[in-house]
Each structure stands twice: as C-alpha cells, then as structure tokens.
Amino acid sequence: MNDMTTIDRTQRPYSAAAQAFLARKPALFINNEWVASSQDALIEVEDPSSGKIIGHVVDASDKDVDRAVAAARAAFDDGRWSNLPPMVRERIMIRLADLIEANADELAELEAIDNGKPKGMAGAVDVPGAASHIRFMAGWASKLNGEVIQPYSMPNGTVFGYTKKEPVGVCAQIVPWNFPLLMACLKIAPALAAGCTTVLKPAEQTSLTALRLADLIAEAGFPAGVVNVITGNGHTAGDRMVKHPDVDKVAFTGSTEIGKLINKNATDTLKRVTLELGGKSPVVVMPDVDVAVTAAGAAGAIFFNSGQVCVAGSRLYAHRSVFDQVIEGVAATAPFWAPRASLDPEAHMGPLVSKEQFERVMGYIEAGKRDGASVAMGGDAAAADGGYYVNPTVLVDVNPQMSVVREEIFGPVVVAQRFDDIDEVAREANNTCYGLGAGVWTKDVATMHKLAAKIKAGTVWGNCHAVIDTALPFGGFKESGLGREQGRQGIESYLETKTVIVQL
C-alpha cells in the first residue's frame, strides 16, 4: 500500500454548470416554487475530496416542514395528481426520466462533488439507476387493479364484491447520503406511480442532486405540490416529518438505530412505514471457485462506493483450503481501489463522505487492531492534503466477539474468516442482528441453493454481489428493515386496498 501515498489526490476544477448551481441562493422547493426558509439557519456543503466548504443549503425549520406537508396534503386531497388518467401520470414520469438522462453529466458531477464517489461511477451507476427507477415505476401507474371476488357465505348473484387499490396519501421520504440521487428516485417513483404526493428530504450531508432533481420535476410538468423537496437535519426536519399528523406514510433508508426511532415515532399515528436499514453482509467462498475471479468479486463487494453500501460484503468467509489464496487475490486489487479525488477520471474509489465518517471508520480499524486482528491489506488513511481517504482494508485473525465483526462499519473494511463446512458457515453468516444481503461463490448449483435457503437475508447473490434491479424486490430480514422496495412489492407499499360490497 505504500505506493498509494504518491497518488495526487488534489480535486479537479468544477465545471461551469456545477459552479453555477453551487452559487445559487439556498432555498426550498415547495409547490413547484423555490422559496426562502422561515429562518436563516444553513448547513455547510463540503467536498469530501478536499475537505473544503463549497456552498450551503437550507436547514429547514418546523414551519418550513409544515408548509411542505401542507402543499403535499392539498395536492393529494384535491386529486390534481391521483385523479389524472394513469397514462398522463406515466407520461410525466417518463418525461422526468428523460430529463435525468439529458442532464446526466451535470448530475454525476454534482453527486461526485457532494458525496465523494468517482464521477465515472456516478455516471455509470447512480444516474442511469435513477432514471431506471422512474421508468419502471411509471409503467405501474396503469396496472394497479383490484379484483372481483365471489363472497364465500352469500348466494351467487346476491351481492357484488370487489377490491380497488388507492394511494396511501402524503408520503415523507428520507433518503441516505451514500446514493443520494438514486435513492431519491427509488423513493419518489413508486409513490408517484401510485398517485401519492411526497415531501422528500435528502441527507443533510448530500443534498445537491435532490435540489437539482427538483428543477427537473418542475420542468417535467408535475402539478404543484406533488413533489416537495426540503433540506435540513434529520433530528429536526426529519423528525418533524415523521411525527407530522398530515403525513400518511414514512419511507426511510439509513441506519438501524435511526430506523428504530422512526418506527417508534410513526406508531403514534399508525403511519405506514417502509424501512431499509443496516447490514453486515456475509460473502461465502467455497473451495471449488476460480480464486482470481472470486477474489476480485469479493474486493468489489466491499470497496465499491468506499464500502458505504448497505449490502457491502463486509464479512468474508473463505473455505480453509482457499483462504490464503483469496486474501492474496483481494490484496492484489489494492492499486485498482486506491482512493482518489472524485473528479479524477482514473478513480474507482473516492474518499469517505465526511470527517465524521472518516473518524468512525478509522476508529473501527484501530479497535480491530487492539482486539487482536491482523492487517492483511491497508489499515490506514491514504496520504492527502485534505479529504477523507481511507485505504481499502482487510482484517484477518478476527473472531465473532470483535466489534469489527459484529457492527456495521460502513467503510472499505472487510473482516475475513476461515470455515470448514456449509453448516458452520451458515451459522456464522446468520450470527448477526442484520439480514439485508449475502453472497455465495461456488460452481456447485446444489451448494448455491442450499446456502441460499439457510442464510437469513432479503437478497442472496450467487457468484456476484450487490446486483440490484428495479424489477426485483429489495429489503431486509431482522434488524435490516421492514417491507420491500422495488418491483411490484415496492409500489404496493404505497397503496391501500379497499373492499366494496354492494347488495343486488
């Protein structure tokens, strides 16, 4: 890893479009208008590649939140969106997807500047993924049908019974800082297709692309109040949204700790809740694999997006017969994953999102060392003049009692352990409070399906990791969340089922 210290991690100049956007006066998007906050409080916008403050966004007050919720409430209650023909709602959503694609380069740059992820990655993953979510869910607007049901206890022809699907109402949607634009579109897409209205709050650390998305929402032709975007701190603006009496549903992606608090606070008014929370995903490597291919896949499972991924493969279990070769293979990827500034065209991994996250990750690495873990790769911060760079790290000689094994680190740190048989590794894979994702690498189809059945996780990947598609439901077991997003299940969580019985 020593050769990585010679990398130039100076951030590149911003484009004229990005500079113009950053120069805009901080404002909130309510009723299709940019409006000033009721207070002067602001949140600093930091470029994690340099550690420099590059702008500000509004820290919304309770009054601001109330105004946004009132706009969404009025837009839902008068039916300006839900009563539109499904083909019209679909057409407007498709127009938004088109606009996302038309502004892809600017959106990718803003995401890179704000979050620290490489612009190339944002352009290849985040922006296309955002448009994909909008397009897929748009098609559901015309396919949300109920059914006619023959009553069980009544003579045929005496009553007419049927069900219909109706939008749940006003949705408070709170998204995380690791995939800001992608998660914003993942949240609003099913809500809009169902006929709901929304108040969207991006993470306070990464609000830029949600604000730029608001411009595109207005340009696409959404009626006023259907989508409102407010910025602010989670413990103030986010908390007000969750507790607001005029909000019917809360959708949150973030830490398990905050998810539990949101679930508790939403209970007072029995709001519908969808929670996609933390993970400590196992990656299981069987002895029959192609080690070179598998090691590269295991490295990508943890180092992609600097390990700041809910399904990151942060626990590596390799069969004893191939353990050493797998670790050597992962270590060989170090130059590829060496962290660089987000606008560096050679970057595959950027800095962590903030100083707070940097200190958290480094704290876990030091705790692992103190507890007896050995460093097989990385284990240190990358040299830089500013910015929050951590070298990709592999810890071995760990045990299940260590904090680095038990707790979600949310950084480029994997703990590697040996195993001898399927039952043993299944027990260890499930020895966690989380259950979001898991990966299995093997050439044996029977082994693949046996482990997929044994591992308690919302998604199990075979010979790949973190492959996510908007048509496939996504969510977690245990403390990794409630409900499912994406696919048909994703839109159903924004619908209520009404039963109608008519005596003939």
Protein backbone atom coordinates (compact mmCIF):
# COMPACT_ATOMS: atom_id res chain seq x y z
CA MET A 1 0.00 0.00 0.00
CA ASN A 2 2.93 2.36 0.39
CA ASP A 3 2.98 3.21 -3.32
CA MET A 4 -0.53 4.63 -2.97
CA THR A 5 0.77 7.59 -0.97
CA THR A 6 2.24 9.01 -4.18
CA ILE A 7 -1.18 9.44 -5.81
CA ASP A 8 -2.15 13.05 -6.43
CA ARG A 9 -5.46 13.47 -4.60
CA THR A 10 -5.97 17.13 -5.46
CA GLN A 11 -9.57 17.74 -6.52
CA ARG A 12 -10.09 18.80 -10.15
CA PRO A 13 -11.79 22.10 -11.08
CA TYR A 14 -15.59 22.08 -11.23
CA SER A 15 -17.47 22.61 -14.49
CA ALA A 16 -19.22 25.90 -15.20
CA ALA A 17 -22.61 24.19 -14.69
CA ALA A 18 -21.60 22.89 -11.27
CA GLN A 19 -20.20 26.25 -10.24
CA ALA A 20 -23.40 27.99 -11.30
CA PHE A 21 -25.52 25.55 -9.34
CA LEU A 22 -23.38 25.94 -6.21
CA ALA A 23 -23.70 29.72 -6.48
CA ARG A 24 -27.50 29.59 -6.22
CA LYS A 25 -29.13 31.08 -3.14
CA PRO A 26 -30.16 28.34 -0.69
CA ALA A 27 -33.90 27.65 -0.97
CA LEU A 28 -36.60 25.02 -0.54
CA PHE A 29 -38.76 23.53 -3.30
CA ILE A 30 -42.40 23.78 -2.25
CA ASN A 31 -45.44 23.92 -4.55
CA ASN A 32 -43.16 23.94 -7.60
CA GLU A 33 -41.50 27.15 -6.41
CA TRP A 34 -38.15 27.95 -4.87
CA VAL A 35 -38.94 29.62 -1.57
CA ALA A 36 -36.89 31.07 1.27
CA SER A 37 -36.80 29.43 4.67
CA SER A 38 -38.61 30.94 7.64
CA GLN A 39 -35.26 31.03 9.41
CA ASP A 40 -31.67 31.89 8.50
CA ALA A 41 -30.08 28.58 9.53
CA LEU A 42 -27.88 26.95 6.89
CA ILE A 43 -25.97 23.69 6.51
CA GLU A 44 -22.50 23.69 5.02
CA VAL A 45 -21.86 21.73 1.83
CA GLU A 46 -18.46 20.05 1.88
CA ASP A 47 -16.46 18.40 -0.87
CA PRO A 48 -15.06 15.28 0.85
CA SER A 49 -12.28 15.05 -1.74
CA SER A 50 -10.76 18.28 -0.42
CA GLY A 51 -12.45 18.84 2.93
CA LYS A 52 -13.40 22.34 1.75
CA ILE A 53 -16.75 24.08 2.22
CA ILE A 54 -18.17 24.77 -1.23
CA GLY A 55 -21.67 26.07 -0.50
CA HIS A 56 -24.70 25.96 1.76
CA VAL A 57 -28.23 24.54 1.85
CA VAL A 58 -31.21 25.48 3.99
CA ASP A 59 -31.63 23.91 7.41
CA ALA A 60 -35.43 23.74 7.32
CA SER A 61 -37.46 24.82 10.35
CA ASP A 62 -40.61 23.17 11.66
CA LYS A 63 -42.56 25.90 9.90
CA ASP A 64 -40.84 25.03 6.61
CA VAL A 65 -41.70 21.36 7.05
CA ASP A 66 -45.31 22.24 7.85
CA ARG A 67 -45.51 24.32 4.69
CA ALA A 68 -44.17 21.50 2.55
CA VAL A 69 -46.52 18.93 4.11
CA ALA A 70 -49.47 21.31 3.66
CA ALA A 71 -48.60 21.64 -0.04
CA ALA A 72 -48.45 17.87 -0.43
CA ARG A 73 -51.68 17.44 1.54
CA ALA A 74 -53.57 19.93 -0.62
CA ALA A 75 -52.21 18.35 -3.81
CA PHE A 76 -53.35 14.92 -2.67
CA ASP A 77 -56.74 15.89 -1.29
CA ASP A 78 -57.87 17.78 -4.40
CA GLY A 79 -56.80 14.93 -6.68
CA ARG A 80 -54.69 17.02 -9.03
CA TRP A 81 -52.31 14.08 -9.34
CA SER A 82 -54.17 10.93 -8.27
CA ASN A 83 -57.20 11.75 -10.42
CA LEU A 84 -55.17 12.21 -13.58
CA PRO A 85 -55.54 9.38 -16.10
CA PRO A 86 -52.81 6.80 -15.44
CA MET A 87 -51.39 7.37 -18.93
CA VAL A 88 -50.88 11.04 -18.08
CA ARG A 89 -49.09 10.28 -14.81
CA GLU A 90 -46.96 7.75 -16.67
CA ARG A 91 -46.12 10.25 -19.41
CA ILE A 92 -45.00 12.92 -16.91
CA MET A 93 -42.83 10.42 -15.06
CA ILE A 94 -41.22 9.27 -18.30
CA ARG A 95 -40.50 12.91 -19.11
CA LEU A 96 -38.66 13.20 -15.79
CA ALA A 97 -36.58 10.12 -16.63
CA ASP A 98 -35.73 11.70 -19.99
CA LEU A 99 -34.62 14.90 -18.26
CA ILE A 100 -32.42 12.97 -15.83
CA GLU A 101 -30.69 11.35 -18.77
CA ALA A 102 -30.39 14.65 -20.63
CA ASN A 103 -28.63 16.19 -17.61
CA ALA A 104 -26.63 13.08 -16.74
CA ASP A 105 -23.17 14.66 -16.83
CA GLU A 106 -24.11 17.51 -14.52
CA LEU A 107 -25.92 15.21 -12.10
CA ALA A 108 -22.96 12.81 -12.00
CA GLU A 109 -20.57 15.67 -11.27
CA LEU A 110 -22.75 17.11 -8.50
CA GLU A 111 -23.04 13.66 -6.94
CA ALA A 112 -19.27 13.22 -7.08
CA ILE A 113 -18.59 16.64 -5.60
CA ASP A 114 -21.13 16.21 -2.81
CA ASN A 115 -20.68 12.55 -1.87
CA GLY A 116 -17.08 11.83 -2.87
CA LYS A 117 -17.84 8.93 -5.17
CA PRO A 118 -16.00 8.92 -8.51
CA LYS A 119 -17.84 10.84 -11.20
CA GLY A 120 -17.34 7.91 -13.57
CA MET A 121 -19.11 5.60 -11.17
CA ALA A 122 -21.94 8.08 -10.61
CA GLY A 123 -22.35 8.37 -14.35
CA ALA A 124 -22.36 4.60 -14.87
CA VAL A 125 -24.45 3.55 -11.87
CA ASP A 126 -26.26 6.29 -9.99
CA VAL A 127 -27.71 8.41 -12.78
CA PRO A 128 -28.85 5.53 -15.05
CA GLY A 129 -30.24 3.78 -11.99
CA ALA A 130 -32.24 6.86 -11.03
CA ALA A 131 -33.79 7.09 -14.49
CA SER A 132 -34.46 3.35 -14.49
CA HIS A 133 -36.46 3.54 -11.26
CA ILE A 134 -38.62 6.32 -12.65
CA ARG A 135 -39.25 4.49 -15.94
CA PHE A 136 -40.06 1.13 -14.36
CA MET A 137 -42.47 2.51 -11.80
CA ALA A 138 -44.13 4.79 -14.36
CA GLY A 139 -45.42 1.69 -16.12
CA TRP A 140 -47.23 0.55 -12.97
CA ALA A 141 -49.48 3.62 -12.97
CA SER A 142 -51.85 1.92 -15.42
CA LYS A 143 -51.67 -1.57 -13.89
CA LEU A 144 -52.83 -1.09 -10.30
CA ASN A 145 -56.04 -3.08 -10.44
CA GLY A 146 -58.24 -4.68 -7.81
CA GLU A 147 -60.32 -7.81 -8.35
CA VAL A 148 -63.90 -9.04 -8.34
CA ILE A 149 -64.42 -11.62 -5.57
CA GLN A 150 -67.28 -14.08 -5.14
CA PRO A 151 -68.35 -13.91 -1.46
CA TYR A 152 -67.92 -17.16 0.46
CA SER A 153 -71.07 -17.10 2.64
CA MET A 154 -73.64 -15.49 0.34
CA PRO A 155 -75.66 -16.94 -2.56
CA ASN A 156 -74.28 -16.23 -6.01
CA GLY A 157 -75.76 -13.10 -7.54
CA THR A 158 -76.98 -11.53 -4.29
CA VAL A 159 -74.03 -9.22 -3.71
CA PHE A 160 -71.28 -7.76 -5.85
CA GLY A 161 -67.90 -7.70 -4.10
CA TYR A 162 -64.71 -6.18 -5.38
CA THR A 163 -61.49 -4.56 -4.25
CA LYS A 164 -59.74 -1.46 -5.52
CA LYS A 165 -56.29 0.00 -4.98
CA GLU A 166 -55.97 3.56 -3.70
CA PRO A 167 -52.89 5.69 -2.95
CA VAL A 168 -51.93 5.82 0.71
CA GLY A 169 -51.71 9.63 0.70
CA VAL A 170 -48.93 12.05 1.70
CA CYS A 171 -45.52 10.41 1.97
CA ALA A 172 -42.50 11.63 3.92
CA GLN A 173 -39.41 10.21 2.22
CA ILE A 174 -36.00 10.45 3.86
CA VAL A 175 -33.01 9.25 1.87
CA PRO A 176 -29.39 8.49 2.84
CA TRP A 177 -26.10 10.06 1.80
CA ASN A 178 -24.47 7.07 0.08
CA PHE A 179 -26.58 7.08 -3.12
CA PRO A 180 -28.41 10.42 -2.91
CA LEU A 181 -29.94 10.75 -6.39
CA LEU A 182 -30.55 7.05 -6.90
CA MET A 183 -32.29 6.70 -3.55
CA ALA A 184 -34.35 9.85 -4.09
CA CYS A 185 -35.72 8.44 -7.35
CA LEU A 186 -36.19 4.98 -5.85
CA LYS A 187 -38.37 6.60 -3.18
CA ILE A 188 -40.47 9.02 -5.22
CA ALA A 189 -41.06 6.71 -8.21
CA PRO A 190 -43.46 4.18 -6.62
CA ALA A 191 -45.20 6.91 -4.64
CA LEU A 192 -45.88 8.92 -7.79
CA ALA A 193 -47.00 5.91 -9.81
CA ALA A 194 -49.44 5.01 -7.02
CA GLY A 195 -50.90 8.53 -7.03
CA CYS A 196 -49.37 9.74 -3.77
CA THR A 197 -47.80 13.11 -3.10
CA THR A 198 -44.45 13.48 -1.37
CA VAL A 199 -42.13 15.53 0.76
CA LEU A 200 -38.56 14.43 0.04
CA LYS A 201 -35.69 15.16 2.42
CA PRO A 202 -32.18 14.25 1.29
CA ALA A 203 -29.45 13.61 3.83
CA GLU A 204 -28.02 16.82 5.24
CA GLN A 205 -24.55 15.76 4.05
CA THR A 206 -25.59 15.29 0.39
CA SER A 207 -28.48 17.48 -0.73
CA LEU A 208 -27.24 18.81 -4.07
CA THR A 209 -28.68 16.30 -6.53
CA ALA A 210 -32.08 16.24 -4.82
CA LEU A 211 -32.27 20.01 -5.29
CA ARG A 212 -31.23 19.72 -8.93
CA LEU A 213 -33.82 16.97 -9.33
CA ALA A 214 -36.45 19.44 -8.11
CA ASP A 215 -35.67 21.66 -11.11
CA LEU A 216 -36.31 18.71 -13.40
CA ILE A 217 -39.53 17.80 -11.60
CA ALA A 218 -40.92 21.25 -12.31
CA GLU A 219 -39.69 21.09 -15.91
CA ALA A 220 -41.30 17.68 -16.42
CA GLY A 221 -44.73 19.12 -15.67
CA PHE A 222 -45.70 17.67 -12.29
CA PRO A 223 -48.56 19.66 -10.74
CA ALA A 224 -47.62 21.98 -7.87
CA GLY A 225 -47.31 20.29 -4.50
CA VAL A 226 -46.96 16.75 -5.83
CA VAL A 227 -43.24 16.60 -5.05
CA ASN A 228 -41.71 18.95 -2.50
CA VAL A 229 -38.00 18.92 -1.62
CA ILE A 230 -36.75 20.28 1.67
CA THR A 231 -33.24 20.17 3.12
CA GLY A 232 -32.39 20.01 6.78
CA ASN A 233 -31.03 17.97 9.63
CA GLY A 234 -32.53 14.59 10.37
CA HIS A 235 -33.07 15.19 14.08
CA THR A 236 -35.08 18.36 13.36
CA ALA A 237 -36.64 18.46 9.88
CA GLY A 238 -36.69 14.69 9.51
CA ASP A 239 -38.18 14.21 12.96
CA ARG A 240 -40.90 16.79 12.22
CA MET A 241 -41.81 14.97 9.00
CA VAL A 242 -42.10 11.61 10.76
CA LYS A 243 -44.32 12.97 13.53
CA HIS A 244 -46.47 15.23 11.34
CA PRO A 245 -50.18 14.40 11.65
CA ASP A 246 -50.83 15.06 7.94
CA VAL A 247 -48.24 12.53 6.77
CA ASP A 248 -49.71 9.10 5.95
CA LYS A 249 -46.56 7.11 5.21
CA VAL A 250 -42.86 7.31 6.02
CA ALA A 251 -40.15 5.71 3.88
CA PHE A 252 -36.63 5.81 5.25
CA THR A 253 -33.29 4.40 4.24
CA GLY A 254 -30.44 4.71 6.72
CA SER A 255 -29.05 3.29 9.94
CA THR A 256 -30.87 0.71 12.01
CA GLU A 257 -30.59 2.96 15.05
CA ILE A 258 -32.46 5.84 13.38
CA GLY A 259 -34.88 3.43 11.68
CA LYS A 260 -35.97 2.06 15.04
CA LEU A 261 -36.59 5.59 16.31
CA ILE A 262 -38.61 6.48 13.21
CA ASN A 263 -40.70 3.33 13.54
CA LYS A 264 -41.42 4.15 17.18
CA ASN A 265 -42.39 7.76 16.44
CA ALA A 266 -44.59 6.78 13.48
CA THR A 267 -46.57 4.42 15.71
CA ASP A 268 -48.39 7.25 17.49
CA THR A 269 -50.43 7.92 14.35
CA LEU A 270 -50.06 4.42 12.86
CA LYS A 271 -48.34 5.75 9.77
CA ARG A 272 -47.43 3.18 7.16
CA VAL A 273 -43.67 2.63 7.34
CA THR A 274 -41.04 1.23 4.98
CA LEU A 275 -37.54 0.94 6.41
CA GLU A 276 -34.38 -0.15 4.58
CA LEU A 277 -31.68 -0.23 7.22
CA GLY A 278 -28.21 -1.50 8.02
CA GLY A 279 -26.36 -4.62 7.05
CA LYS A 280 -23.31 -6.74 7.75
CA SER A 281 -23.46 -8.92 4.68
CA PRO A 282 -21.52 -12.19 4.50
CA VAL A 283 -19.64 -13.28 1.40
CA VAL A 284 -19.13 -17.05 1.37
CA VAL A 285 -16.39 -18.55 -0.81
CA MET A 286 -16.48 -22.29 -1.41
CA PRO A 287 -13.36 -24.33 -2.28
CA ASP A 288 -14.36 -25.00 -5.92
CA VAL A 289 -14.17 -21.41 -7.14
CA ASP A 290 -11.90 -19.70 -9.63
CA VAL A 291 -9.91 -17.86 -6.97
CA ALA A 292 -8.78 -14.95 -9.15
CA VAL A 293 -12.32 -14.16 -10.30
CA THR A 294 -13.80 -14.64 -6.85
CA ALA A 295 -11.18 -12.50 -5.09
CA ALA A 296 -11.85 -9.65 -7.48
CA GLY A 297 -15.59 -10.05 -6.85
CA ALA A 298 -15.10 -10.11 -3.08
CA ALA A 299 -12.99 -6.94 -3.30
CA GLY A 300 -15.67 -5.18 -5.33
CA ALA A 301 -18.31 -6.29 -2.83
CA ILE A 302 -16.66 -4.25 -0.08
CA PHE A 303 -14.65 -1.50 -1.80
CA PHE A 304 -17.32 -0.31 -4.25
CA ASN A 305 -18.53 3.17 -3.18
CA SER A 306 -15.80 3.14 -0.49
CA GLY A 307 -17.72 0.44 1.36
CA GLN A 308 -20.51 2.92 2.01
CA VAL A 309 -23.17 0.47 0.85
CA CYS A 310 -25.88 -1.13 2.96
CA VAL A 311 -25.23 -4.53 1.37
CA ALA A 312 -21.44 -4.24 1.32
CA GLY A 313 -19.79 -7.63 1.65
CA SER A 314 -18.08 -6.72 4.90
CA ARG A 315 -17.73 -10.27 6.31
CA LEU A 316 -15.70 -12.59 4.09
CA TYR A 317 -15.89 -16.32 4.83
CA ALA A 318 -13.47 -18.34 2.70
CA HIS A 319 -13.08 -22.10 2.93
CA ARG A 320 -9.92 -23.03 4.76
CA SER A 321 -8.43 -24.69 1.64
CA VAL A 322 -8.55 -21.45 -0.37
CA PHE A 323 -8.47 -18.80 2.36
CA ASP A 324 -4.86 -17.69 1.87
CA GLN A 325 -5.21 -17.51 -1.92
CA VAL A 326 -8.42 -15.47 -1.66
CA ILE A 327 -6.81 -12.97 0.71
CA GLU A 328 -3.81 -12.66 -1.59
CA GLY A 329 -6.17 -12.09 -4.51
CA VAL A 330 -8.11 -9.38 -2.68
CA ALA A 331 -4.83 -7.69 -1.67
CA ALA A 332 -3.74 -7.70 -5.31
CA THR A 333 -6.64 -5.37 -6.15
CA ALA A 334 -5.25 -2.61 -3.89
CA PRO A 335 -3.87 -0.43 -6.72
CA PHE A 336 -7.21 -0.56 -8.56
CA TRP A 337 -9.14 0.54 -5.45
CA ALA A 338 -6.59 3.11 -4.26
CA PRO A 339 -8.73 6.14 -3.27
CA ARG A 340 -8.58 9.21 -5.49
CA ALA A 341 -10.39 12.54 -5.74
CA SER A 342 -13.94 12.16 -7.02
CA LEU A 343 -13.35 14.09 -10.28
CA ASP A 344 -10.15 12.17 -11.09
CA PRO A 345 -11.01 10.19 -14.25
CA GLU A 346 -8.83 7.30 -13.00
CA ALA A 347 -10.75 6.96 -9.71
CA HIS A 348 -12.54 3.74 -8.85
CA MET A 349 -12.93 4.59 -5.18
CA GLY A 350 -13.21 8.05 -3.67
CA PRO A 351 -12.97 9.46 -0.14
CA LEU A 352 -15.46 8.80 2.62
CA VAL A 353 -18.38 11.22 2.74
CA SER A 354 -17.32 13.28 5.76
CA LYS A 355 -14.83 13.79 8.56
CA GLU A 356 -17.31 12.13 10.93
CA GLN A 357 -17.45 9.01 8.77
CA PHE A 358 -13.66 9.03 8.33
CA GLU A 359 -13.16 9.08 12.10
CA ARG A 360 -15.77 6.37 12.58
CA VAL A 361 -14.10 4.01 10.10
CA MET A 362 -10.59 4.67 11.37
CA GLY A 363 -11.88 4.12 14.90
CA TYR A 364 -13.15 0.68 13.94
CA ILE A 365 -9.85 -0.21 12.28
CA GLU A 366 -7.93 0.77 15.40
CA ALA A 367 -10.40 -1.13 17.60
CA GLY A 368 -9.88 -4.21 15.45
CA LYS A 369 -6.13 -3.96 15.86
CA ARG A 370 -6.44 -3.53 19.63
CA ASP A 371 -8.70 -6.59 19.80
CA GLY A 372 -6.06 -8.72 18.07
CA ALA A 373 -6.94 -8.51 14.38
CA SER A 374 -4.08 -8.56 11.88
CA VAL A 375 -3.96 -6.24 8.87
CA ALA A 376 -3.59 -8.13 5.60
CA MET A 377 -4.16 -5.03 3.47
CA GLY A 378 -4.47 -1.30 4.12
CA GLY A 379 -5.44 -0.46 7.67
CA ASP A 380 -4.50 3.20 7.36
CA ALA A 381 -5.53 6.53 5.95
CA ALA A 382 -4.27 7.49 2.50
CA ALA A 383 -1.96 10.50 2.37
CA ALA A 384 -3.78 13.60 1.12
CA ASP A 385 -3.75 17.36 1.52
CA GLY A 386 -7.33 17.47 2.80
CA GLY A 387 -10.10 15.00 2.12
CA TYR A 388 -11.21 11.86 3.89
CA TYR A 389 -9.33 8.99 2.29
CA VAL A 390 -9.07 5.51 3.82
CA ASN A 391 -7.13 2.79 2.07
CA PRO A 392 -9.03 -0.43 1.28
CA THR A 393 -8.56 -2.67 4.30
CA VAL A 394 -8.65 -6.41 5.02
CA LEU A 395 -8.52 -7.63 8.61
CA VAL A 396 -7.78 -11.28 9.43
CA ASP A 397 -7.34 -13.22 12.69
CA VAL A 398 -10.73 -11.93 13.82
CA ASN A 399 -13.43 -13.57 15.94
CA PRO A 400 -17.21 -13.06 16.27
CA GLN A 401 -16.87 -11.10 19.53
CA MET A 402 -14.92 -8.23 17.91
CA SER A 403 -16.77 -5.01 17.13
CA VAL A 404 -15.37 -5.05 13.58
CA VAL A 405 -17.18 -8.36 13.04
CA ARG A 406 -20.43 -7.54 14.86
CA GLU A 407 -21.08 -3.91 13.88
CA GLU A 408 -21.69 -2.13 10.59
CA ILE A 409 -18.59 -0.06 9.78
CA PHE A 410 -19.84 1.45 6.51
CA GLY A 411 -16.38 1.89 5.05
CA PRO A 412 -13.84 -0.02 2.92
CA VAL A 413 -13.10 -2.59 5.63
CA VAL A 414 -13.68 -6.33 5.37
CA VAL A 415 -13.09 -8.93 8.10
CA ALA A 416 -12.02 -12.33 6.77
CA GLN A 417 -12.54 -15.70 8.46
CA ARG A 418 -11.98 -19.37 7.63
CA PHE A 419 -14.61 -22.13 7.66
CA ASP A 420 -14.71 -25.88 7.07
CA ASP A 421 -18.27 -26.88 6.10
CA ILE A 422 -21.61 -25.50 4.95
CA ASP A 423 -23.44 -25.79 8.26
CA GLU A 424 -20.64 -23.94 10.06
CA VAL A 425 -20.55 -21.05 7.61
CA ALA A 426 -24.33 -20.78 7.53
CA ARG A 427 -24.37 -20.41 11.33
CA GLU A 428 -21.69 -17.75 11.21
CA ALA A 429 -23.36 -15.92 8.33
CA ASN A 430 -26.55 -15.73 10.40
CA ASN A 431 -24.73 -14.75 13.60
CA THR A 432 -25.77 -11.11 13.29
CA CYS A 433 -28.72 -8.89 14.03
CA TYR A 434 -28.77 -7.91 10.35
CA GLY A 435 -30.18 -9.71 7.33
CA LEU A 436 -30.02 -7.49 4.27
CA GLY A 437 -27.82 -9.28 1.75
CA ALA A 438 -25.39 -12.14 1.28
CA GLY A 439 -23.14 -13.51 -1.45
CA VAL A 440 -22.21 -17.09 -2.26
CA TRP A 441 -19.38 -18.02 -4.62
CA THR A 442 -19.34 -21.60 -5.89
CA LYS A 443 -19.56 -23.67 -9.10
CA ASP A 444 -21.85 -26.19 -7.41
CA VAL A 445 -25.52 -25.37 -8.07
CA ALA A 446 -26.70 -27.58 -5.22
CA THR A 447 -24.41 -25.83 -2.74
CA MET A 448 -25.61 -22.46 -4.02
CA HIS A 449 -29.26 -23.28 -3.39
CA LYS A 450 -28.59 -24.94 -0.03
CA LEU A 451 -26.82 -21.84 1.27
CA ALA A 452 -29.43 -19.52 -0.25
CA ALA A 453 -32.03 -21.42 1.78
CA LYS A 454 -30.00 -21.39 5.00
CA ILE A 455 -28.86 -17.75 5.02
CA LYS A 456 -31.37 -15.32 6.50
CA ALA A 457 -31.16 -12.30 4.22
CA GLY A 458 -33.50 -10.37 1.96
CA THR A 459 -31.27 -10.94 -1.07
CA VAL A 460 -28.76 -13.71 -1.73
CA TRP A 461 -26.42 -13.31 -4.69
CA GLY A 462 -24.68 -16.16 -6.46
CA ASN A 463 -21.23 -15.53 -7.97
CA CYS A 464 -21.83 -11.78 -7.87
CA HIS A 465 -22.66 -9.15 -5.28
CA ALA A 466 -24.91 -6.09 -4.95
CA VAL A 467 -26.55 -6.69 -8.33
CA ILE A 468 -29.78 -4.74 -7.92
CA ASP A 469 -32.54 -4.25 -10.46
CA THR A 470 -35.64 -2.11 -10.10
CA ALA A 471 -37.89 -5.04 -11.10
CA LEU A 472 -36.66 -7.18 -8.18
CA PRO A 473 -37.89 -6.53 -4.62
CA PHE A 474 -35.28 -5.35 -2.14
CA GLY A 475 -35.31 -5.24 1.64
CA GLY A 476 -34.09 -6.95 4.76
CA PHE A 477 -34.75 -9.59 7.39
CA LYS A 478 -34.36 -8.99 11.13
CA GLU A 479 -32.99 -5.53 12.01
CA SER A 480 -32.24 -4.68 8.38
CA GLY A 481 -35.69 -3.23 7.88
CA LEU A 482 -39.41 -3.52 7.27
CA GLY A 483 -41.16 -4.03 3.96
CA ARG A 484 -39.79 -4.15 0.44
CA GLU A 485 -38.86 -1.57 -2.16
CA GLN A 486 -38.63 -2.02 -5.93
CA GLY A 487 -40.67 -4.43 -8.03
CA ARG A 488 -44.40 -4.89 -7.59
CA GLN A 489 -43.97 -5.17 -3.82
CA GLY A 490 -42.38 -1.72 -3.83
CA ILE A 491 -45.39 0.04 -5.29
CA GLU A 492 -47.87 -1.99 -3.25
CA SER A 493 -46.43 -0.42 -0.11
CA TYR A 494 -47.83 2.91 -1.34
CA LEU A 495 -51.33 1.53 -1.82
CA GLU A 496 -54.29 0.77 0.39
CA THR A 497 -56.78 -1.98 -0.51
CA LYS A 498 -60.43 -1.00 -0.27
CA THR A 499 -63.18 -3.62 -0.29
CA VAL A 500 -66.59 -2.68 -1.75
CA ILE A 501 -69.71 -4.84 -1.14
CA VAL A 502 -72.95 -3.96 -2.91
CA GLN A 503 -76.18 -5.84 -2.25
CA LEU A 504 -78.01 -6.52 -5.50
